[in-house]
Amino acid sequence: MIQNHIMISALVAFAVITDSFTSQNRIEAAESELVAAKQNYLDAVKNKSDLESAAFKYAEVVMTSPVLAPMEKYPLALALYRQTLAINPDHRQAKDQAQLIVDIYAGLGKEPTEFDLSKIK
Protein backbone atom coordinates (compact mmCIF):
# COMPACT_ATOMS: atom_id res chain seq x y z
CA MET A 1 0.00 0.00 0.00
CA ILE A 2 2.74 2.48 0.94
CA GLN A 3 4.70 1.45 -2.15
CA ASN A 4 1.68 2.26 -4.31
CA HIS A 5 1.41 5.74 -2.78
CA ILE A 6 5.13 6.33 -3.30
CA MET A 7 4.85 5.14 -6.91
CA ILE A 8 1.81 7.34 -7.55
CA SER A 9 3.55 10.33 -5.96
CA ALA A 10 6.63 9.72 -8.11
CA LEU A 11 4.52 9.47 -11.27
CA VAL A 12 2.64 12.67 -10.43
CA ALA A 13 5.91 14.50 -9.73
CA PHE A 14 7.35 13.23 -13.02
CA ALA A 15 4.25 14.38 -14.91
CA VAL A 16 4.41 17.84 -13.34
CA ILE A 17 8.13 18.20 -14.11
CA THR A 18 7.69 16.89 -17.65
CA ASP A 19 4.78 19.26 -18.30
CA SER A 20 6.83 22.15 -16.93
CA PHE A 21 9.71 21.33 -19.29
CA THR A 22 7.31 20.85 -22.19
CA SER A 23 5.66 24.22 -21.52
CA GLN A 24 9.07 25.89 -21.30
CA ASN A 25 10.12 24.22 -24.55
CA ARG A 26 6.94 25.47 -26.24
CA ILE A 27 7.62 29.01 -25.07
CA GLU A 28 11.23 28.85 -26.24
CA ALA A 29 10.11 27.49 -29.62
CA ALA A 30 7.50 30.26 -29.93
CA GLU A 31 10.10 32.89 -29.07
CA SER A 32 12.48 31.46 -31.68
CA GLU A 33 9.74 31.39 -34.31
CA LEU A 34 8.84 35.01 -33.52
CA VAL A 35 12.47 36.14 -33.80
CA ALA A 36 12.93 34.26 -37.09
CA ALA A 37 9.73 35.69 -38.62
CA LYS A 38 10.70 39.19 -37.54
CA GLN A 39 14.18 38.83 -39.02
CA ASN A 40 12.75 37.45 -42.26
CA TYR A 41 10.43 40.47 -42.40
CA LEU A 42 13.27 42.92 -41.74
CA ASP A 43 15.37 41.23 -44.43
CA ALA A 44 12.48 41.53 -46.90
CA VAL A 45 12.08 45.23 -46.09
CA LYS A 46 15.80 45.83 -46.46
CA ASN A 47 16.18 43.84 -49.68
CA LYS A 48 12.81 44.95 -51.08
CA SER A 49 12.01 41.36 -51.95
CA ASP A 50 9.05 39.12 -51.16
CA LEU A 51 7.63 41.62 -48.67
CA GLU A 52 4.07 40.37 -49.16
CA SER A 53 4.97 36.87 -48.02
CA ALA A 54 7.25 38.01 -45.20
CA ALA A 55 4.71 40.50 -43.81
CA PHE A 56 1.91 37.94 -43.91
CA LYS A 57 4.04 35.21 -42.30
CA TYR A 58 5.21 37.57 -39.56
CA ALA A 59 1.59 38.58 -38.88
CA GLU A 60 0.55 34.94 -38.64
CA VAL A 61 3.37 34.13 -36.22
CA VAL A 62 2.52 37.20 -34.12
CA MET A 63 -1.16 36.21 -33.95
CA THR A 64 -0.49 32.63 -32.89
CA SER A 65 2.37 33.36 -30.50
CA PRO A 66 1.74 32.53 -26.84
CA VAL A 67 4.62 34.87 -25.99
CA LEU A 68 2.76 38.09 -26.84
CA ALA A 69 -0.24 39.49 -25.01
CA PRO A 70 -3.31 40.29 -27.14
CA MET A 71 -2.78 44.04 -26.95
CA GLU A 72 0.80 43.54 -28.15
CA LYS A 73 -0.09 41.24 -31.00
CA TYR A 74 -3.24 42.86 -32.43
CA PRO A 75 -1.77 46.27 -33.43
CA LEU A 76 1.36 44.70 -34.92
CA ALA A 77 -0.49 41.94 -36.75
CA LEU A 78 -3.11 44.36 -38.09
CA ALA A 79 -0.39 46.66 -39.46
CA LEU A 80 1.33 43.67 -41.08
CA TYR A 81 -1.92 42.39 -42.61
CA ARG A 82 -2.63 45.88 -43.93
CA GLN A 83 0.85 46.03 -45.42
CA THR A 84 0.21 42.69 -47.09
CA LEU A 85 -3.06 44.08 -48.49
CA ALA A 86 -1.34 47.24 -49.72
CA ILE A 87 0.91 44.99 -51.82
CA ASN A 88 -1.81 42.54 -52.82
CA PRO A 89 -5.38 43.79 -52.24
CA ASP A 90 -6.74 40.36 -53.18
CA HIS A 91 -4.91 38.47 -50.40
CA ARG A 92 -7.94 36.70 -48.94
CA GLN A 93 -6.34 35.45 -45.70
CA ALA A 94 -4.89 38.87 -44.89
CA LYS A 95 -8.32 40.46 -45.49
CA ASP A 96 -10.02 37.94 -43.23
CA GLN A 97 -7.45 38.23 -40.45
CA ALA A 98 -7.39 42.03 -40.58
CA GLN A 99 -11.19 42.06 -40.32
CA LEU A 100 -11.05 39.63 -37.39
CA ILE A 101 -8.77 42.01 -35.49
CA VAL A 102 -10.98 45.02 -36.33
CA ASP A 103 -13.98 43.01 -35.08
CA ILE A 104 -12.16 42.16 -31.84
CA TYR A 105 -11.52 45.86 -31.22
CA ALA A 106 -15.15 46.67 -32.08
CA GLY A 107 -16.28 44.04 -29.59
CA LEU A 108 -14.22 45.84 -26.97
CA GLY A 109 -15.75 49.17 -27.98
CA LYS A 110 -12.39 50.49 -29.19
CA GLU A 111 -10.77 51.66 -32.38
CA PRO A 112 -7.80 49.58 -33.57
CA THR A 113 -4.49 50.80 -32.22
CA GLU A 114 -2.11 52.00 -34.92
CA PHE A 115 1.35 50.46 -35.15
CA ASP A 116 4.25 52.10 -36.98
CA LEU A 117 6.01 49.29 -38.85
CA SER A 118 9.11 51.45 -39.31
CA LYS A 119 9.76 51.03 -35.57
CA ILE A 120 10.42 47.31 -35.95
CA LYS A 121 14.12 46.79 -35.39
C-alpha atoms as a PDB file:
ATOM      1  CA  MET A   1       0.000   0.000   0.000  1.00  0.00           C
ATOM      2  CA  ILE A   2       2.742   2.477   0.940  1.00  0.00           C
ATOM      3  CA  GLN A   3       4.701   1.452  -2.152  1.00  0.00           C
ATOM      4  CA  ASN A   4       1.676   2.259  -4.313  1.00  0.00           C
ATOM      5  CA  HIS A   5       1.406   5.739  -2.783  1.00  0.00           C
ATOM      6  CA  ILE A   6       5.130   6.326  -3.304  1.00  0.00           C
ATOM      7  CA  MET A   7       4.851   5.138  -6.908  1.00  0.00           C
ATOM      8  CA  ILE A   8       1.814   7.340  -7.552  1.00  0.00           C
ATOM      9  CA  SER A   9       3.554  10.334  -5.965  1.00  0.00           C
ATOM     10  CA  ALA A  10       6.632   9.722  -8.107  1.00  0.00           C
ATOM     11  CA  LEU A  11       4.516   9.474 -11.267  1.00  0.00           C
ATOM     12  CA  VAL A  12       2.639  12.670 -10.428  1.00  0.00           C
ATOM     13  CA  ALA A  13       5.906  14.500  -9.729  1.00  0.00           C
ATOM     14  CA  PHE A  14       7.349  13.226 -13.015  1.00  0.00           C
ATOM     15  CA  ALA A  15       4.254  14.376 -14.913  1.00  0.00           C
ATOM     16  CA  VAL A  16       4.411  17.844 -13.343  1.00  0.00           C
ATOM     17  CA  ILE A  17       8.128  18.204 -14.105  1.00  0.00           C
ATOM     18  CA  THR A  18       7.691  16.889 -17.646  1.00  0.00           C
ATOM     19  CA  ASP A  19       4.784  19.258 -18.296  1.00  0.00           C
ATOM     20  CA  SER A  20       6.831  22.147 -16.933  1.00  0.00           C
ATOM     21  CA  PHE A  21       9.713  21.332 -19.290  1.00  0.00           C
ATOM     22  CA  THR A  22       7.309  20.848 -22.190  1.00  0.00           C
ATOM     23  CA  SER A  23       5.664  24.220 -21.522  1.00  0.00           C
ATOM     24  CA  GLN A  24       9.067  25.888 -21.299  1.00  0.00           C
ATOM     25  CA  ASN A  25      10.116  24.216 -24.552  1.00  0.00           C
ATOM     26  CA  ARG A  26       6.939  25.474 -26.243  1.00  0.00           C
ATOM     27  CA  ILE A  27       7.617  29.011 -25.066  1.00  0.00           C
ATOM     28  CA  GLU A  28      11.226  28.855 -26.238  1.00  0.00           C
ATOM     29  CA  ALA A  29      10.108  27.490 -29.616  1.00  0.00           C
ATOM     30  CA  ALA A  30       7.501  30.256 -29.934  1.00  0.00           C
ATOM     31  CA  GLU A  31      10.102  32.895 -29.070  1.00  0.00           C
ATOM     32  CA  SER A  32      12.476  31.464 -31.677  1.00  0.00           C
ATOM     33  CA  GLU A  33       9.736  31.390 -34.305  1.00  0.00           C
ATOM     34  CA  LEU A  34       8.842  35.006 -33.524  1.00  0.00           C
ATOM     35  CA  VAL A  35      12.474  36.142 -33.801  1.00  0.00           C
ATOM     36  CA  ALA A  36      12.925  34.261 -37.094  1.00  0.00           C
ATOM     37  CA  ALA A  37       9.726  35.685 -38.619  1.00  0.00           C
ATOM     38  CA  LYS A  38      10.700  39.195 -37.537  1.00  0.00           C
ATOM     39  CA  GLN A  39      14.184  38.826 -39.021  1.00  0.00           C
ATOM     40  CA  ASN A  40      12.749  37.447 -42.259  1.00  0.00           C
ATOM     41  CA  TYR A  41      10.430  40.467 -42.405  1.00  0.00           C
ATOM     42  CA  LEU A  42      13.271  42.921 -41.739  1.00  0.00           C
ATOM     43  CA  ASP A  43      15.367  41.230 -44.434  1.00  0.00           C
ATOM     44  CA  ALA A  44      12.476  41.527 -46.901  1.00  0.00           C
ATOM     45  CA  VAL A  45      12.076  45.230 -46.086  1.00  0.00           C
ATOM     46  CA  LYS A  46      15.804  45.832 -46.461  1.00  0.00           C
ATOM     47  CA  ASN A  47      16.176  43.837 -49.680  1.00  0.00           C
ATOM     48  CA  LYS A  48      12.810  44.951 -51.076  1.00  0.00           C
ATOM     49  CA  SER A  49      12.015  41.360 -51.953  1.00  0.00           C
ATOM     50  CA  ASP A  50       9.051  39.125 -51.159  1.00  0.00           C
ATOM     51  CA  LEU A  51       7.631  41.616 -48.666  1.00  0.00           C
ATOM     52  CA  GLU A  52       4.075  40.374 -49.155  1.00  0.00           C
ATOM     53  CA  SER A  53       4.968  36.869 -48.022  1.00  0.00           C
ATOM     54  CA  ALA A  54       7.254  38.010 -45.201  1.00  0.00           C
ATOM     55  CA  ALA A  55       4.714  40.497 -43.810  1.00  0.00           C
ATOM     56  CA  PHE A  56       1.908  37.936 -43.912  1.00  0.00           C
ATOM     57  CA  LYS A  57       4.042  35.211 -42.302  1.00  0.00           C
ATOM     58  CA  TYR A  58       5.211  37.568 -39.557  1.00  0.00           C
ATOM     59  CA  ALA A  59       1.593  38.583 -38.885  1.00  0.00           C
ATOM     60  CA  GLU A  60       0.550  34.937 -38.643  1.00  0.00           C
ATOM     61  CA  VAL A  61       3.371  34.131 -36.218  1.00  0.00           C
ATOM     62  CA  VAL A  62       2.520  37.198 -34.124  1.00  0.00           C
ATOM     63  CA  MET A  63      -1.160  36.211 -33.953  1.00  0.00           C
ATOM     64  CA  THR A  64      -0.491  32.629 -32.886  1.00  0.00           C
ATOM     65  CA  SER A  65       2.373  33.357 -30.500  1.00  0.00           C
ATOM     66  CA  PRO A  66       1.737  32.529 -26.842  1.00  0.00           C
ATOM     67  CA  VAL A  67       4.624  34.866 -25.987  1.00  0.00           C
ATOM     68  CA  LEU A  68       2.763  38.090 -26.837  1.00  0.00           C
ATOM     69  CA  ALA A  69      -0.242  39.491 -25.009  1.00  0.00           C
ATOM     70  CA  PRO A  70      -3.307  40.288 -27.141  1.00  0.00           C
ATOM     71  CA  MET A  71      -2.775  44.038 -26.946  1.00  0.00           C
ATOM     72  CA  GLU A  72       0.799  43.542 -28.151  1.00  0.00           C
ATOM     73  CA  LYS A  73      -0.091  41.244 -30.997  1.00  0.00           C
ATOM     74  CA  TYR A  74      -3.238  42.864 -32.433  1.00  0.00           C
ATOM     75  CA  PRO A  75      -1.774  46.267 -33.425  1.00  0.00           C
ATOM     76  CA  LEU A  76       1.359  44.704 -34.923  1.00  0.00           C
ATOM     77  CA  ALA A  77      -0.489  41.945 -36.746  1.00  0.00           C
ATOM     78  CA  LEU A  78      -3.109  44.363 -38.092  1.00  0.00           C
ATOM     79  CA  ALA A  79      -0.393  46.658 -39.456  1.00  0.00           C
ATOM     80  CA  LEU A  80       1.332  43.674 -41.083  1.00  0.00           C
ATOM     81  CA  TYR A  81      -1.918  42.386 -42.611  1.00  0.00           C
ATOM     82  CA  ARG A  82      -2.634  45.879 -43.931  1.00  0.00           C
ATOM     83  CA  GLN A  83       0.848  46.032 -45.423  1.00  0.00           C
ATOM     84  CA  THR A  84       0.206  42.689 -47.095  1.00  0.00           C
ATOM     85  CA  LEU A  85      -3.056  44.075 -48.491  1.00  0.00           C
ATOM     86  CA  ALA A  86      -1.337  47.237 -49.724  1.00  0.00           C
ATOM     87  CA  ILE A  87       0.905  44.990 -51.819  1.00  0.00           C
ATOM     88  CA  ASN A  88      -1.812  42.537 -52.815  1.00  0.00           C
ATOM     89  CA  PRO A  89      -5.381  43.791 -52.237  1.00  0.00           C
ATOM     90  CA  ASP A  90      -6.745  40.359 -53.176  1.00  0.00           C
ATOM     91  CA  HIS A  91      -4.905  38.466 -50.402  1.00  0.00           C
ATOM     92  CA  ARG A  92      -7.938  36.697 -48.936  1.00  0.00           C
ATOM     93  CA  GLN A  93      -6.344  35.453 -45.703  1.00  0.00           C
ATOM     94  CA  ALA A  94      -4.887  38.873 -44.891  1.00  0.00           C
ATOM     95  CA  LYS A  95      -8.322  40.456 -45.495  1.00  0.00           C
ATOM     96  CA  ASP A  96     -10.019  37.937 -43.226  1.00  0.00           C
ATOM     97  CA  GLN A  97      -7.448  38.226 -40.449  1.00  0.00           C
ATOM     98  CA  ALA A  98      -7.395  42.031 -40.580  1.00  0.00           C
ATOM     99  CA  GLN A  99     -11.192  42.057 -40.321  1.00  0.00           C
ATOM    100  CA  LEU A 100     -11.049  39.625 -37.391  1.00  0.00           C
ATOM    101  CA  ILE A 101      -8.768  42.011 -35.493  1.00  0.00           C
ATOM    102  CA  VAL A 102     -10.978  45.015 -36.327  1.00  0.00           C
ATOM    103  CA  ASP A 103     -13.981  43.013 -35.081  1.00  0.00           C
ATOM    104  CA  ILE A 104     -12.159  42.164 -31.836  1.00  0.00           C
ATOM    105  CA  TYR A 105     -11.516  45.858 -31.223  1.00  0.00           C
ATOM    106  CA  ALA A 106     -15.149  46.671 -32.084  1.00  0.00           C
ATOM    107  CA  GLY A 107     -16.278  44.042 -29.592  1.00  0.00           C
ATOM    108  CA  LEU A 108     -14.215  45.845 -26.969  1.00  0.00           C
ATOM    109  CA  GLY A 109     -15.751  49.170 -27.981  1.00  0.00           C
ATOM    110  CA  LYS A 110     -12.388  50.486 -29.190  1.00  0.00           C
ATOM    111  CA  GLU A 111     -10.771  51.659 -32.381  1.00  0.00           C
ATOM    112  CA  PRO A 112      -7.799  49.581 -33.572  1.00  0.00           C
ATOM    113  CA  THR A 113      -4.487  50.802 -32.217  1.00  0.00           C
ATOM    114  CA  GLU A 114      -2.109  52.004 -34.918  1.00  0.00           C
ATOM    115  CA  PHE A 115       1.353  50.457 -35.146  1.00  0.00           C
ATOM    116  CA  ASP A 116       4.250  52.097 -36.978  1.00  0.00           C
ATOM    117  CA  LEU A 117       6.007  49.291 -38.854  1.00  0.00           C
ATOM    118  CA  SER A 118       9.114  51.451 -39.306  1.00  0.00           C
ATOM    119  CA  LYS A 119       9.762  51.033 -35.566  1.00  0.00           C
ATOM    120  CA  ILE A 120      10.423  47.309 -35.955  1.00  0.00           C
ATOM    121  CA  LYS A 121      14.121  46.793 -35.385  1.00  0.00           C
END
